[in-house]
Every structure is written in C-alpha cells, then in structure tokens.
C-alpha cells in the first residue's frame, strides 16, 4: 500500500504551493524574491534578443531607411555593409548576454528547487521517524522512502515549472506589448 504525503493532483492548486513555500526555512524563503527578479530579468533579456533581430533584418532588407536614422548617422555608419555589420554585432552581443543570463537563471533555479526538495524530504522523513514503533512494524519503510522521494521530486519539478512559466509570461507579455 503506497502512502502519499503530498496530494500530487492538488499541486495545481495555488493554495498548496503557497503552503509549501510557507513551510520552507528562512534561507529558502529569502531566495524567492531574488529568483523572481532574476526570472524577470531573464525574460526581459530574451525579449531584447528578439527585438535585436528586427534592426538586423531591416539592415539586410531595407538599409536606406536605417541609414537615414539620426542615431545611426551619429555613429558614423555610412554604407550598407557597415550597417549590416553593426546590427549583426549588436545582435550577437545581445544573444551572448541573453544566453548567459538564461543559463545562469536555469542553474540558480535548479539549485533552489533541489534545495527545497531536500528540505521537504528531510521534514517529511523527520515526521515519519517520530512515529511510534508499532507504526513502523506495521508498515513497509521502503514504500515510505519511495513515496517521499517521488513526492518531493514532483514538488521540485512543479516549482521549476512555475519559475519557467513566470519567465515565459514575461517574454510573451513583452512581445505582445511590443506588437
């Protein structure tokens, strides 16, 4: 008989996620706001990379319009080749910075969700170990260990998916607002 400590189907409920976050220790709670800010920055950097594609494509397809731009003329760009080179360099710099921010964000979020999973599994295991001796004799401990591992892994995956959703919402909103 498999016992679940966390009702996996209710992870879609915001109330359970809030309850899990409230049960975290102060160290993991303090990381929530910086991670949220980092996710916002990552979403905006991805949007910036998308936005840098437009001038590059315009430099290739309609360079005369860009060459008449006051900002471009102040930079001393006079030919189509210089314009394409400038926009390509800006695009690649933005792409490299955006990729670095995204990879850093993924690493930080994965470390945080692993820390949360470890904390939850430790708390659940501590509760289980504090049960009476008769309880342990009457139940298979392997089932408990398996359930703790799978449930906390599921919670970690849900937190990771929530963080990805936040970042993707920022990207989508920025793109829609830019249209």
Foldseek 3Di string as FASTA:
>chain_A
DFDAPDPLVCLVPVVVVVVLLVPDDPVLVVVPVVLLVLLLVLLVLVLVLVVLVVQLVCLVVPVVVVQPDPVNVVVVDDDSVSSNVVSVVVSVVSVVVSVVSVVVSLVVLLVSLVVSLVVQLVVQVVVVVPDDPVVPVVDDVVSVVVNSVVNSVSSSVSSSVVSVVSSVVSNVVSVVVVD
